[in-house]
Amino acid sequence: MVPGTFIRHANPENIEEVLRDHQASILQIANASGSLTTTGKGAISALPNKREVEELLRS
């Protein structure tokens, strides 16, 4: 999820600008992803997909 945010907005020339402008949403996505990951078993299999993260952020 978080890498997707970077891919959509960043390139090597503007990475600092993207981090500054999207810091809050990047951190929200990272926190939601992390919290969902702790509810699953395993390392990779516990990683949430985009839909799961978006549902958590809407709740």
PDB file of N, CA and C in Angstrom:
ATOM      1  N   MET A   1       0.809  -1.195   0.000  1.00  0.00           N
ATOM      2  CA  MET A   1       0.000   0.000   0.000  1.00  0.00           C
ATOM      3  C   MET A   1       0.856   1.265   0.000  1.00  0.00           C
ATOM      4  N   VAL A   2       1.734   1.372   0.953  1.00  0.00           N
ATOM      5  CA  VAL A   2       2.537   2.594   1.024  1.00  0.00           C
ATOM      6  C   VAL A   2       3.394   2.768  -0.224  1.00  0.00           C
ATOM      7  N   PRO A   3       4.063   1.696  -0.719  1.00  0.00           N
ATOM      8  CA  PRO A   3       4.815   1.897  -1.961  1.00  0.00           C
ATOM      9  C   PRO A   3       3.935   2.382  -3.106  1.00  0.00           C
ATOM     10  N   GLY A   4       2.682   1.956  -3.148  1.00  0.00           N
ATOM     11  CA  GLY A   4       1.780   2.415  -4.189  1.00  0.00           C
ATOM     12  C   GLY A   4       1.585   3.919  -4.159  1.00  0.00           C
ATOM     13  N   THR A   5       1.552   4.491  -2.978  1.00  0.00           N
ATOM     14  CA  THR A   5       1.417   5.939  -2.848  1.00  0.00           C
ATOM     15  C   THR A   5       2.630   6.621  -3.471  1.00  0.00           C
ATOM     16  N   PHE A   6       3.813   6.087  -3.224  1.00  0.00           N
ATOM     17  CA  PHE A   6       5.016   6.665  -3.809  1.00  0.00           C
ATOM     18  C   PHE A   6       5.033   6.509  -5.323  1.00  0.00           C
ATOM     19  N   ILE A   7       4.663   5.339  -5.804  1.00  0.00           N
ATOM     20  CA  ILE A   7       4.689   5.081  -7.238  1.00  0.00           C
ATOM     21  C   ILE A   7       3.781   6.046  -7.981  1.00  0.00           C
ATOM     22  N   ARG A   8       2.624   6.330  -7.408  1.00  0.00           N
ATOM     23  CA  ARG A   8       1.679   7.240  -8.065  1.00  0.00           C
ATOM     24  C   ARG A   8       2.197   8.668  -8.117  1.00  0.00           C
ATOM     25  N   HIS A   9       2.949   9.100  -7.113  1.00  0.00           N
ATOM     26  CA  HIS A   9       3.267  10.522  -6.983  1.00  0.00           C
ATOM     27  C   HIS A   9       4.748  10.876  -7.101  1.00  0.00           C
ATOM     28  N   ALA A  10       5.636   9.924  -6.919  1.00  0.00           N
ATOM     29  CA  ALA A  10       7.042  10.282  -6.742  1.00  0.00           C
ATOM     30  C   ALA A  10       7.924   9.848  -7.899  1.00  0.00           C
ATOM     31  N   ASN A  11       8.982  10.577  -8.053  1.00  0.00           N
ATOM     32  CA  ASN A  11      10.109  10.195  -8.889  1.00  0.00           C
ATOM     33  C   ASN A  11      11.344  10.755  -8.191  1.00  0.00           C
ATOM     34  N   PRO A  12      12.525  10.362  -8.607  1.00  0.00           N
ATOM     35  CA  PRO A  12      13.724  10.797  -7.868  1.00  0.00           C
ATOM     36  C   PRO A  12      13.861  12.301  -7.707  1.00  0.00           C
ATOM     37  N   GLU A  13      13.299  13.067  -8.633  1.00  0.00           N
ATOM     38  CA  GLU A  13      13.453  14.512  -8.556  1.00  0.00           C
ATOM     39  C   GLU A  13      12.516  15.175  -7.544  1.00  0.00           C
ATOM     40  N   ASN A  14      11.392  14.532  -7.216  1.00  0.00           N
ATOM     41  CA  ASN A  14      10.421  15.205  -6.347  1.00  0.00           C
ATOM     42  C   ASN A  14      10.078  14.431  -5.076  1.00  0.00           C
ATOM     43  N   ILE A  15      10.895  13.493  -4.688  1.00  0.00           N
ATOM     44  CA  ILE A  15      10.571  12.635  -3.545  1.00  0.00           C
ATOM     45  C   ILE A  15      10.355  13.449  -2.268  1.00  0.00           C
ATOM     46  N   GLU A  16      11.163  14.456  -2.020  1.00  0.00           N
ATOM     47  CA  GLU A  16      10.998  15.258  -0.808  1.00  0.00           C
ATOM     48  C   GLU A  16       9.679  16.026  -0.835  1.00  0.00           C
ATOM     49  N   GLU A  17       9.312  16.537  -1.983  1.00  0.00           N
ATOM     50  CA  GLU A  17       8.041  17.254  -2.124  1.00  0.00           C
ATOM     51  C   GLU A  17       6.863  16.314  -1.886  1.00  0.00           C
ATOM     52  N   VAL A  18       6.931  15.126  -2.447  1.00  0.00           N
ATOM     53  CA  VAL A  18       5.844  14.158  -2.263  1.00  0.00           C
ATOM     54  C   VAL A  18       5.731  13.770  -0.799  1.00  0.00           C
ATOM     55  N   LEU A  19       6.846  13.500  -0.159  1.00  0.00           N
ATOM     56  CA  LEU A  19       6.808  13.142   1.266  1.00  0.00           C
ATOM     57  C   LEU A  19       6.203  14.268   2.100  1.00  0.00           C
ATOM     58  N   ARG A  20       6.571  15.500   1.803  1.00  0.00           N
ATOM     59  CA  ARG A  20       6.041  16.645   2.540  1.00  0.00           C
ATOM     60  C   ARG A  20       4.544  16.816   2.283  1.00  0.00           C
ATOM     61  N   ASP A  21       4.136  16.750   1.031  1.00  0.00           N
ATOM     62  CA  ASP A  21       2.746  17.013   0.662  1.00  0.00           C
ATOM     63  C   ASP A  21       1.788  15.878   1.033  1.00  0.00           C
ATOM     64  N   HIS A  22       2.287  14.659   1.115  1.00  0.00           N
ATOM     65  CA  HIS A  22       1.419  13.502   1.360  1.00  0.00           C
ATOM     66  C   HIS A  22       1.757  12.766   2.659  1.00  0.00           C
ATOM     67  N   GLN A  23       2.498  13.414   3.523  1.00  0.00           N
ATOM     68  CA  GLN A  23       2.965  12.770   4.748  1.00  0.00           C
ATOM     69  C   GLN A  23       1.816  12.189   5.571  1.00  0.00           C
ATOM     70  N   ALA A  24       0.755  12.945   5.769  1.00  0.00           N
ATOM     71  CA  ALA A  24      -0.350  12.475   6.613  1.00  0.00           C
ATOM     72  C   ALA A  24      -1.005  11.232   6.027  1.00  0.00           C
ATOM     73  N   SER A  25      -1.284  11.234   4.727  1.00  0.00           N
ATOM     74  CA  SER A  25      -1.940  10.065   4.130  1.00  0.00           C
ATOM     75  C   SER A  25      -1.008   8.866   4.083  1.00  0.00           C
ATOM     76  N   ILE A  26       0.276   9.089   3.853  1.00  0.00           N
ATOM     77  CA  ILE A  26       1.243   7.993   3.857  1.00  0.00           C
ATOM     78  C   ILE A  26       1.278   7.339   5.230  1.00  0.00           C
ATOM     79  N   LEU A  27       1.303   8.156   6.274  1.00  0.00           N
ATOM     80  CA  LEU A  27       1.343   7.610   7.630  1.00  0.00           C
ATOM     81  C   LEU A  27       0.031   6.910   8.006  1.00  0.00           C
ATOM     82  N   GLN A  28      -1.092   7.438   7.563  1.00  0.00           N
ATOM     83  CA  GLN A  28      -2.379   6.777   7.830  1.00  0.00           C
ATOM     84  C   GLN A  28      -2.426   5.405   7.175  1.00  0.00           C
ATOM     85  N   ILE A  29      -1.992   5.324   5.937  1.00  0.00           N
ATOM     86  CA  ILE A  29      -1.984   4.042   5.223  1.00  0.00           C
ATOM     87  C   ILE A  29      -1.021   3.065   5.897  1.00  0.00           C
ATOM     88  N   ALA A  30       0.149   3.550   6.270  1.00  0.00           N
ATOM     89  CA  ALA A  30       1.136   2.691   6.929  1.00  0.00           C
ATOM     90  C   ALA A  30       0.611   2.177   8.264  1.00  0.00           C
ATOM     91  N   ASN A  31      -0.032   3.050   9.043  1.00  0.00           N
ATOM     92  CA  ASN A  31      -0.575   2.622  10.326  1.00  0.00           C
ATOM     93  C   ASN A  31      -1.709   1.625  10.155  1.00  0.00           C
ATOM     94  N   ALA A  32      -2.592   1.865   9.193  1.00  0.00           N
ATOM     95  CA  ALA A  32      -3.688   0.930   8.940  1.00  0.00           C
ATOM     96  C   ALA A  32      -3.139  -0.419   8.481  1.00  0.00           C
ATOM     97  N   SER A  33      -2.159  -0.402   7.589  1.00  0.00           N
ATOM     98  CA  SER A  33      -1.555  -1.642   7.107  1.00  0.00           C
ATOM     99  C   SER A  33      -0.903  -2.411   8.247  1.00  0.00           C
ATOM    100  N   GLY A  34      -0.189  -1.699   9.076  1.00  0.00           N
ATOM    101  CA  GLY A  34       0.472  -2.341  10.211  1.00  0.00           C
ATOM    102  C   GLY A  34      -0.510  -2.929  11.198  1.00  0.00           C
ATOM    103  N   SER A  35      -1.568  -2.205  11.486  1.00  0.00           N
ATOM    104  CA  SER A  35      -2.543  -2.720  12.458  1.00  0.00           C
ATOM    105  C   SER A  35      -3.269  -3.942  11.910  1.00  0.00           C
ATOM    106  N   LEU A  36      -3.592  -3.937  10.624  1.00  0.00           N
ATOM    107  CA  LEU A  36      -4.236  -5.110  10.035  1.00  0.00           C
ATOM    108  C   LEU A  36      -3.282  -6.303   9.992  1.00  0.00           C
ATOM    109  N   THR A  37      -2.016  -6.048   9.760  1.00  0.00           N
ATOM    110  CA  THR A  37      -1.032  -7.125   9.695  1.00  0.00           C
ATOM    111  C   THR A  37      -0.932  -7.862  11.023  1.00  0.00           C
ATOM    112  N   THR A  38      -1.080  -7.139  12.113  1.00  0.00           N
ATOM    113  CA  THR A  38      -0.964  -7.783  13.430  1.00  0.00           C
ATOM    114  C   THR A  38      -2.138  -8.706  13.732  1.00  0.00           C
ATOM    115  N   THR A  39      -3.204  -8.633  12.956  1.00  0.00           N
ATOM    116  CA  THR A  39      -4.368  -9.487  13.218  1.00  0.00           C
ATOM    117  C   THR A  39      -4.309 -10.803  12.451  1.00  0.00           C
ATOM    118  N   GLY A  40      -3.318 -10.953  11.558  1.00  0.00           N
ATOM    119  CA  GLY A  40      -3.206 -12.167  10.760  1.00  0.00           C
ATOM    120  C   GLY A  40      -2.074 -13.056  11.241  1.00  0.00           C
ATOM    121  N   LYS A  41      -2.004 -14.237  10.642  1.00  0.00           N
ATOM    122  CA  LYS A  41      -0.921 -15.174  10.958  1.00  0.00           C
ATOM    123  C   LYS A  41       0.084 -15.169   9.827  1.00  0.00           C
ATOM    124  N   GLY A  42       1.348 -15.316  10.202  1.00  0.00           N
ATOM    125  CA  GLY A  42       2.412 -15.352   9.211  1.00  0.00           C
ATOM    126  C   GLY A  42       2.916 -13.960   8.878  1.00  0.00           C
ATOM    127  N   ALA A  43       3.925 -13.930   8.037  1.00  0.00           N
ATOM    128  CA  ALA A  43       4.515 -12.644   7.665  1.00  0.00           C
ATOM    129  C   ALA A  43       3.860 -12.101   6.399  1.00  0.00           C
ATOM    130  N   ILE A  44       4.033 -12.794   5.325  1.00  0.00           N
ATOM    131  CA  ILE A  44       3.497 -12.328   4.047  1.00  0.00           C
ATOM    132  C   ILE A  44       1.988 -12.516   3.978  1.00  0.00           C
ATOM    133  N   SER A  45       1.506 -13.640   4.430  1.00  0.00           N
ATOM    134  CA  SER A  45       0.063 -13.918   4.332  1.00  0.00           C
ATOM    135  C   SER A  45      -0.778 -12.958   5.177  1.00  0.00           C
ATOM    136  N   ALA A  46      -0.187 -12.330   6.164  1.00  0.00           N
ATOM    137  CA  ALA A  46      -0.916 -11.394   7.019  1.00  0.00           C
ATOM    138  C   ALA A  46      -1.011  -9.989   6.430  1.00  0.00           C
ATOM    139  N   LEU A  47      -0.253  -9.712   5.372  1.00  0.00           N
ATOM    140  CA  LEU A  47      -0.276  -8.376   4.781  1.00  0.00           C
ATOM    141  C   LEU A  47      -1.647  -8.095   4.169  1.00  0.00           C
ATOM    142  N   PRO A  48      -2.228  -6.943   4.493  1.00  0.00           N
ATOM    143  CA  PRO A  48      -3.558  -6.626   3.965  1.00  0.00           C
ATOM    144  C   PRO A  48      -3.492  -6.192   2.506  1.00  0.00           C
ATOM    145  N   ASN A  49      -4.624  -6.329   1.827  1.00  0.00           N
ATOM    146  CA  ASN A  49      -4.691  -5.813   0.462  1.00  0.00           C
ATOM    147  C   ASN A  49      -5.288  -4.401   0.497  1.00  0.00           C
ATOM    148  N   LYS A  50      -5.328  -3.767  -0.658  1.00  0.00           N
ATOM    149  CA  LYS A  50      -5.786  -2.378  -0.744  1.00  0.00           C
ATOM    150  C   LYS A  50      -7.204  -2.223  -0.212  1.00  0.00           C
ATOM    151  N   ARG A  51      -8.100  -3.134  -0.574  1.00  0.00           N
ATOM    152  CA  ARG A  51      -9.489  -3.051  -0.147  1.00  0.00           C
ATOM    153  C   ARG A  51      -9.597  -3.095   1.379  1.00  0.00           C
ATOM    154  N   GLU A  52      -8.846  -3.979   2.013  1.00  0.00           N
ATOM    155  CA  GLU A  52      -8.891  -4.096   3.472  1.00  0.00           C
ATOM    156  C   GLU A  52      -8.409  -2.810   4.146  1.00  0.00           C
ATOM    157  N   VAL A  53      -7.352  -2.235   3.624  1.00  0.00           N
ATOM    158  CA  VAL A  53      -6.839  -0.982   4.200  1.00  0.00           C
ATOM    159  C   VAL A  53      -7.836   0.139   4.010  1.00  0.00           C
ATOM    160  N   GLU A  54      -8.401   0.239   2.819  1.00  0.00           N
ATOM    161  CA  GLU A  54      -9.375   1.297   2.555  1.00  0.00           C
ATOM    162  C   GLU A  54     -10.621   1.150   3.448  1.00  0.00           C
ATOM    163  N   GLU A  55     -11.062  -0.090   3.667  1.00  0.00           N
ATOM    164  CA  GLU A  55     -12.207  -0.309   4.558  1.00  0.00           C
ATOM    165  C   GLU A  55     -11.897   0.138   5.970  1.00  0.00           C
ATOM    166  N   LEU A  56     -10.704  -0.171   6.460  1.00  0.00           N
ATOM    167  CA  LEU A  56     -10.314   0.256   7.801  1.00  0.00           C
ATOM    168  C   LEU A  56     -10.254   1.780   7.889  1.00  0.00           C
ATOM    169  N   LEU A  57      -9.717   2.420   6.886  1.00  0.00           N
ATOM    170  CA  LEU A  57      -9.604   3.883   6.902  1.00  0.00           C
ATOM    171  C   LEU A  57     -10.974   4.557   6.854  1.00  0.00           C
ATOM    172  N   ARG A  58     -11.954   3.907   6.249  1.00  0.00           N
ATOM    173  CA  ARG A  58     -13.307   4.471   6.188  1.00  0.00           C
ATOM    174  C   ARG A  58     -14.082   4.273   7.497  1.00  0.00           C
ATOM    175  N   SER A  59     -13.649   3.325   8.307  1.00  0.00           N
ATOM    176  CA  SER A  59     -14.402   3.027   9.537  1.00  0.00           C
ATOM    177  C   SER A  59     -14.083   3.990  10.662  1.00  0.00           C
TER     178      SER A  59
END
